[in-house]
Protein backbone atom coordinates (compact mmCIF):
# COMPACT_ATOMS: atom_id res chain seq x y z
CA GLU A 1 25.29 36.18 -41.51
CA ASP A 2 27.46 33.54 -40.23
CA ILE A 3 26.15 34.03 -36.56
CA MET A 4 22.50 33.69 -38.25
CA SER A 5 23.36 30.55 -39.92
CA ARG A 6 24.98 28.82 -37.03
CA GLY A 7 21.90 29.85 -34.82
CA LEU A 8 19.39 28.51 -37.40
CA GLY A 9 21.47 25.32 -37.79
CA VAL A 10 21.87 24.54 -34.20
CA GLN A 11 18.27 25.20 -33.46
CA LEU A 12 17.09 22.85 -36.20
CA LEU A 13 19.77 20.19 -36.22
CA ALA A 14 18.51 19.21 -32.82
CA VAL A 15 15.36 17.97 -34.52
CA GLY A 16 17.50 15.74 -36.83
CA SER A 17 19.02 14.13 -33.67
CA LEU A 18 15.54 13.58 -32.23
CA THR A 19 14.30 11.90 -35.32
CA ILE A 20 17.34 9.71 -35.74
CA CYS A 21 17.15 8.63 -32.08
CA THR A 22 13.39 8.01 -32.25
CA MET A 23 13.76 5.66 -35.26
CA ALA A 24 15.57 3.19 -33.17
CA PHE A 25 12.81 3.21 -30.50
CA LEU A 26 9.78 2.86 -33.05
CA GLY A 27 8.71 -0.72 -33.56
CA SER A 28 6.48 0.01 -36.55
CA ARG A 29 5.90 2.35 -39.31
CA PRO A 30 3.29 2.92 -42.13
CA SER A 31 3.84 1.28 -45.54
CA THR A 32 4.19 4.31 -47.92
CA SER A 33 5.49 4.88 -51.24
CA VAL A 34 8.00 7.51 -52.59
CA LEU A 35 5.14 10.02 -53.06
CA GLY A 36 3.25 9.04 -50.07
CA SER A 37 0.13 8.31 -51.83
CA GLN A 38 0.03 4.99 -53.55
CA ARG A 39 0.71 2.56 -50.66
CA THR A 40 -1.74 2.75 -47.96
CA THR A 41 -1.87 -0.56 -46.35
CA ALA A 42 -2.53 -0.88 -42.58
CA PHE A 43 -0.14 0.51 -40.05
CA ARG A 44 1.74 -2.39 -38.42
CA ALA A 45 1.59 -2.03 -34.60
CA PRO A 46 3.22 -4.40 -32.22
CA ALA A 47 1.34 -5.71 -29.11
CA GLN A 48 3.14 -3.59 -26.80
CA MET A 49 2.59 -0.26 -28.61
CA SER A 50 2.06 2.67 -26.18
CA ALA A 51 -1.31 4.52 -26.06
CA ARG A 52 0.29 7.60 -27.65
CA SER A 53 1.89 5.59 -30.60
CA ALA A 54 -1.47 4.02 -31.22
CA ARG A 55 -3.09 7.64 -31.48
CA PHE A 56 -0.33 8.45 -33.92
CA ALA A 57 -0.95 5.36 -35.94
CA GLN A 58 -4.63 6.08 -36.29
CA ARG A 59 -3.73 9.65 -37.43
CA GLN A 60 -1.23 8.33 -39.79
CA GLN A 61 -3.83 5.77 -41.61
CA LEU A 62 -6.31 8.69 -41.91
CA ARG A 63 -3.72 11.18 -43.29
CA ASN A 64 -2.24 8.81 -45.82
CA ALA A 65 -5.79 8.27 -47.33
CA VAL A 66 -6.19 11.95 -48.30
CA ILE A 67 -2.51 12.83 -49.25
CA LYS A 68 -3.18 12.86 -52.92
CA ARG A 69 -5.96 15.11 -52.63
CA TRP A 70 -3.89 17.39 -50.33
CA CYS A 71 -1.01 17.45 -52.93
CA THR A 72 -3.18 19.31 -55.35
CA VAL A 73 -5.33 21.61 -53.27
CA ALA A 74 -2.55 24.03 -52.29
CA ALA A 75 -2.25 25.32 -56.00
CA ASN A 76 -5.86 26.09 -56.06
CA GLU A 77 -5.45 28.19 -52.89
CA GLU A 78 -3.01 30.72 -54.62
CA LYS A 79 -4.68 34.17 -55.11
CA THR A 80 -5.54 34.83 -58.78
CA PRO A 81 -4.62 38.17 -60.34
CA ALA A 82 -8.19 39.35 -60.01
CA ALA A 83 -8.01 38.91 -56.22
CA LYS A 84 -4.85 41.01 -56.16
CA GLY A 85 -6.55 43.83 -57.88
CA ALA A 86 -5.99 43.11 -61.62
CA ALA A 87 -8.07 44.70 -64.25
CA PRO A 88 -11.25 42.87 -64.95
CA ASP A 89 -10.21 42.22 -68.61
CA SER A 90 -6.66 41.05 -67.73
CA LYS A 91 -6.03 37.49 -68.34
CA PRO A 92 -5.18 35.23 -65.30
CA GLU A 93 -1.98 33.31 -65.60
CA ALA A 94 -3.46 30.03 -65.41
CA ASN A 95 -1.19 26.89 -65.43
CA VAL A 96 1.93 28.93 -65.09
CA PRO A 97 4.05 26.96 -62.62
CA PRO A 98 6.14 28.94 -60.00
CA PRO A 99 9.79 28.84 -60.65
CA PRO A 100 11.64 25.66 -59.49
CA ALA A 101 13.91 25.51 -56.43
CA ALA A 102 17.46 27.02 -56.91
CA LYS A 103 20.14 25.01 -58.56
CA GLU A 104 22.97 23.57 -56.57
CA GLY A 105 25.75 26.11 -56.46
CA ASN A 106 23.36 29.19 -56.24
CA TYR A 107 22.28 28.57 -52.64
CA ARG A 108 23.85 28.06 -49.23
CA THR A 109 22.40 25.21 -46.98
CA LEU A 110 21.61 26.85 -43.53
CA MET A 111 20.38 23.49 -42.11
CA LYS A 112 19.54 19.95 -43.05
CA VAL A 113 17.63 17.41 -41.14
CA GLU A 114 17.41 13.59 -42.06
CA LEU A 115 13.88 12.57 -41.97
CA PRO A 116 12.63 9.16 -40.71
CA GLU A 117 11.32 6.75 -43.49
CA PHE A 118 7.91 6.74 -42.21
CA ILE A 119 7.13 10.46 -42.70
CA PRO A 120 5.14 11.08 -45.87
CA ARG A 121 7.19 13.89 -47.65
CA PRO A 122 4.28 15.46 -49.76
CA ASP A 123 2.00 15.56 -46.65
CA LEU A 124 4.70 17.22 -44.54
CA MET A 125 5.67 19.78 -47.15
CA THR A 126 1.87 20.59 -48.03
CA GLN A 127 1.32 21.29 -44.25
CA PHE A 128 4.36 23.40 -44.15
CA LEU A 129 3.14 25.30 -47.20
CA ARG A 130 -0.17 26.04 -45.63
CA TRP A 131 1.55 26.93 -42.43
CA ALA A 132 3.73 29.42 -44.34
CA TYR A 133 0.82 31.16 -46.10
CA ILE A 134 -0.68 31.76 -42.48
CA GLU A 135 2.06 32.12 -40.02
CA VAL A 136 4.69 33.74 -42.48
CA ALA A 137 2.81 35.65 -44.97
CA GLU A 138 -0.38 36.78 -43.34
CA ASN A 139 1.18 37.36 -40.00
CA SER A 140 4.67 38.54 -41.20
CA LYS A 141 4.72 41.62 -39.18
CA ALA A 142 3.43 40.15 -35.93
CA ASN A 143 5.62 37.23 -36.07
CA PHE A 144 8.89 38.36 -37.75
CA GLY A 145 8.69 42.12 -37.83
CA ILE A 146 8.79 42.36 -41.53
CA ASP A 147 6.03 43.54 -43.93
CA ASN A 148 4.92 41.49 -47.02
CA ILE A 149 6.76 38.15 -46.82
CA ASP A 150 5.89 36.51 -50.18
CA ILE A 151 5.39 32.86 -50.20
CA GLU A 152 5.63 30.69 -53.36
CA PRO A 153 5.17 26.81 -53.58
CA ILE A 154 7.82 24.56 -54.75
CA TYR A 155 6.64 21.49 -56.82
CA LEU A 156 8.50 18.26 -57.63
CA ALA A 157 9.83 18.02 -61.14
CA PRO A 158 7.50 16.31 -63.56
CA HIS A 159 9.97 13.67 -64.28
CA TRP A 160 9.95 12.54 -60.56
CA VAL A 161 6.09 12.47 -60.43
CA GLU A 162 5.89 10.46 -63.80
CA ARG A 163 8.80 8.12 -62.49
CA TYR A 164 6.56 6.95 -59.78
CA GLY A 165 3.42 6.25 -61.74
CA GLU A 166 1.53 9.64 -61.54
CA ASP A 167 0.46 12.06 -64.23
CA PRO A 168 3.50 14.35 -64.70
CA SER A 169 1.16 17.37 -64.79
CA MET A 170 0.16 16.55 -61.22
CA LYS A 171 1.45 19.27 -58.70
CA VAL A 172 3.10 17.60 -55.79
CA VAL A 173 4.31 19.96 -53.06
CA ASN A 174 8.01 19.63 -52.30
CA GLY A 175 8.41 22.92 -50.28
CA PHE A 176 8.15 26.56 -50.39
CA LYS A 177 10.10 29.92 -51.02
CA ALA A 178 9.87 32.79 -48.61
CA GLN A 179 11.20 36.28 -49.46
CA PHE A 180 12.35 37.93 -46.27
CA ALA A 181 13.15 41.49 -47.47
CA GLU A 182 16.60 41.09 -49.10
CA ALA A 183 17.03 37.50 -48.18
CA GLU A 184 15.31 34.49 -50.15
CA LEU A 185 14.77 31.19 -48.35
CA GLU A 186 13.78 27.92 -49.44
CA VAL A 187 12.38 25.12 -47.21
CA VAL A 188 12.56 22.05 -49.49
CA MET A 189 13.06 18.45 -49.59
CA ASP A 190 16.28 17.22 -51.47
CA GLU A 191 16.03 14.67 -54.37
CA GLU A 192 18.06 11.96 -52.93
CA VAL A 193 16.36 8.52 -53.29
CA ILE A 194 16.51 6.20 -50.23
CA LEU A 195 15.08 2.72 -49.63
CA GLY A 196 12.18 2.10 -47.23
CA TYR A 197 10.98 -0.98 -45.61
CA ASP A 198 7.49 -2.26 -44.50
CA TYR A 199 8.29 -2.40 -40.90
CA LEU A 200 10.90 -2.61 -38.33
CA GLY A 201 11.43 -5.89 -36.29
CA MET A 202 14.13 -6.97 -33.81
CA ASP A 203 17.11 -9.12 -34.56
CA GLU A 204 18.40 -11.91 -32.22
CA ASN A 205 20.48 -9.22 -30.19
CA GLY A 206 17.45 -7.03 -29.66
CA PHE A 207 18.50 -4.35 -32.09
CA PRO A 208 15.97 -2.82 -34.74
CA GLU A 209 16.16 -4.45 -38.18
CA LYS A 210 14.39 -3.42 -41.23
CA ARG A 211 12.06 -6.13 -42.56
CA GLY A 212 9.51 -6.82 -45.32
CA ASP A 213 9.46 -5.43 -48.97
CA SER A 214 11.73 -2.57 -49.84
CA PHE A 215 10.52 0.46 -51.96
CA GLU A 216 11.98 3.80 -52.91
CA ILE A 217 11.35 7.09 -51.04
CA LEU A 218 12.33 10.34 -52.72
CA GLY A 219 13.61 12.77 -50.30
CA LYS A 220 16.25 12.11 -47.49
CA PHE A 221 16.85 15.54 -46.04
CA LEU A 222 14.68 18.58 -45.18
CA GLU A 223 16.77 21.71 -46.01
CA VAL A 224 16.51 25.23 -45.44
CA ARG A 225 18.57 27.09 -47.94
CA ARG A 226 19.83 30.68 -48.44
CA VAL A 227 19.39 31.64 -52.13
CA GLY A 228 21.96 34.09 -53.42
CA THR A 229 24.97 35.86 -51.63
CA ASN A 230 23.81 39.37 -51.03
CA PRO A 231 24.29 40.92 -47.51
CA VAL A 232 21.32 41.18 -45.12
CA SER A 233 20.48 43.71 -42.44
CA GLU A 234 20.42 42.76 -38.80
CA LYS A 235 16.56 43.10 -38.87
CA THR A 236 16.42 40.64 -41.59
CA ALA A 237 18.83 38.29 -39.74
CA ASN A 238 16.77 38.44 -36.63
CA ALA A 239 13.65 37.62 -38.50
CA ILE A 240 15.31 34.39 -40.12
CA ARG A 241 16.45 33.34 -36.71
CA THR A 242 12.86 33.69 -35.51
CA PHE A 243 11.64 31.83 -38.57
CA GLY A 244 13.92 28.72 -37.59
CA LYS A 245 12.56 28.77 -34.25
CA HIS A 246 8.91 28.65 -35.49
CA LEU A 247 9.83 26.10 -38.13
CA ASN A 248 11.33 23.98 -35.37
CA THR A 249 8.29 24.14 -33.34
CA ALA A 250 5.95 23.30 -36.38
CA PHE A 251 8.05 20.24 -37.15
CA ASP A 252 8.15 19.01 -33.53
CA LYS A 253 4.30 19.06 -33.56
CA TYR A 254 4.13 17.25 -37.00
CA TYR A 255 6.57 14.62 -35.73
CA ALA A 256 4.61 13.98 -32.47
CA PHE A 257 1.13 14.29 -33.62
CA GLY A 258 0.93 14.11 -37.48
CA SER A 259 -0.17 17.63 -37.69
CA ILE A 260 1.38 21.06 -37.40
CA TYR A 261 -1.63 22.48 -35.63
CA SER A 262 -1.88 19.56 -33.07
CA ASP A 263 -0.70 19.44 -29.65
CA ASP A 264 -1.46 17.48 -26.36
CA ALA A 265 -4.79 19.00 -26.06
CA THR A 266 -5.97 17.84 -29.51
């Protein structure tokens, strides 16, 4: 398991180095709130922005406009008991939220990546959840060699949603759980609050400098957690390593193009 953890950590911590280094290069960022849905002002682009950055900016503006809708769609995509073969007269378990993320002390962090301020956390985690339903759950055998990997969404706690001006009953995706045979994993944003700023400028020495109004952003690190301490088989360990590689690729695409399913061709 130690080998499994180190392999996954090294694979994905490289993404953290990329994001941190890229922050110093970027000369602009979108203005976004802690939930990524309230503040949707124009993306501030310097005159010397590259064509690729301009395309990213356009995607960012469009994506921010629909974040709030995306945050609630995932809950409606879950299969109802009737769809799973429940008896016609059985009552669907409506409005029963999935269990929350594991409490600190009941999990081990396999990796954590610091995200740049400009990435809207709910949008990223909603795309990860949809990706997990398709690539992890539906294609579990083909991609990981394991049958029936169960996926469950993780939502922000209601007090966080209410704190930032939304209805506390609103379901804001904050990650997902994946059951790999005897191992349970969580891909989730932490609950550390950081300060964001409207844009990056250059100081008198030519170094990036945060400028404009400040605002809170909920979530500093994207984490992959292993819940519990039960031993895992070599087959499961290999599946988790493969999962780490797929997760790394998905995040790279999101960071570069604003969508997990985009690439240079799209």
